[in-house]
Structures are given as structure tokens and as C-alpha cells.
Protein backbone atom coordinates (compact mmCIF):
# COMPACT_ATOMS: atom_id res chain seq x y z
CA UNK A 1 -19.79 12.92 1.13
CA UNK A 2 -18.37 13.53 -2.32
CA UNK A 3 -17.10 10.49 -4.21
CA UNK A 4 -13.39 10.72 -4.94
CA UNK A 5 -11.21 8.86 -7.32
CA UNK A 6 -8.52 6.52 -5.95
CA UNK A 7 -5.63 4.83 -7.76
CA UNK A 8 -4.80 1.49 -6.07
CA UNK A 9 -1.76 -0.51 -7.13
CA UNK A 10 -1.90 -4.21 -6.32
CA UNK A 11 -5.71 -4.12 -6.34
CA UNK A 12 -6.14 -7.92 -6.60
CA UNK A 13 -4.24 -9.04 -3.52
CA UNK A 14 -4.11 -8.48 0.23
CA UNK A 15 -4.35 -4.87 1.43
CA UNK A 16 -4.94 -3.48 -2.06
CA UNK A 17 -7.90 -5.75 -2.61
CA UNK A 18 -9.45 -4.98 0.75
CA UNK A 19 -8.99 -1.30 0.31
CA UNK A 20 -10.46 -1.35 -3.20
CA UNK A 21 -13.59 -3.22 -2.05
CA UNK A 22 -14.10 -0.90 0.87
CA UNK A 23 -13.73 2.26 -1.20
CA UNK A 24 -16.16 0.94 -3.87
CA UNK A 25 -18.70 0.05 -1.19
CA UNK A 26 -18.58 3.57 0.15
CA UNK A 27 -19.24 5.07 -3.31
CA UNK A 28 -15.79 6.12 -4.38
CA UNK A 29 -14.38 5.52 -7.86
CA UNK A 30 -11.46 3.05 -7.82
CA UNK A 31 -8.85 2.76 -10.56
CA UNK A 32 -7.13 -0.56 -9.77
CA UNK A 33 -3.84 -1.64 -11.23
CA UNK A 34 -2.73 -5.29 -11.14
CA UNK A 35 -0.89 -7.93 -13.01
CA UNK A 36 -3.82 -10.34 -12.98
CA UNK A 37 -6.43 -8.84 -15.31
CA UNK A 38 -9.04 -11.62 -14.75
CA UNK A 39 -9.37 -10.68 -11.08
CA UNK A 40 -9.73 -6.99 -11.94
CA UNK A 41 -12.68 -7.76 -14.14
CA UNK A 42 -14.35 -9.55 -11.26
CA UNK A 43 -13.97 -6.50 -9.05
CA UNK A 44 -15.73 -4.28 -11.63
């Protein structure tokens, strides 16, 4: 499978967070947007 980039808004809460984690686990590149930058750093 080829890794694809995904742009996720709301990447630090609820569905956006779960989707971001799942995509990263499967090898995809995730560009996450959120208002809380400290949580985004933890995802990286």
C-alpha cells in the first residue's frame, strides 16, 4: 500500500484524534490542524 497524505482538521479531539492515530499507525502521512498546539506536538 502506498502511503498517502491526509489533512485532518480537529486532530486533537474525538473523531479527528482517532482518525489521525489510525492513519499514522497504518503508515500514512497526517497533517493535523487544531487550536491546541501542545496536543499536536504529542501526536508527532
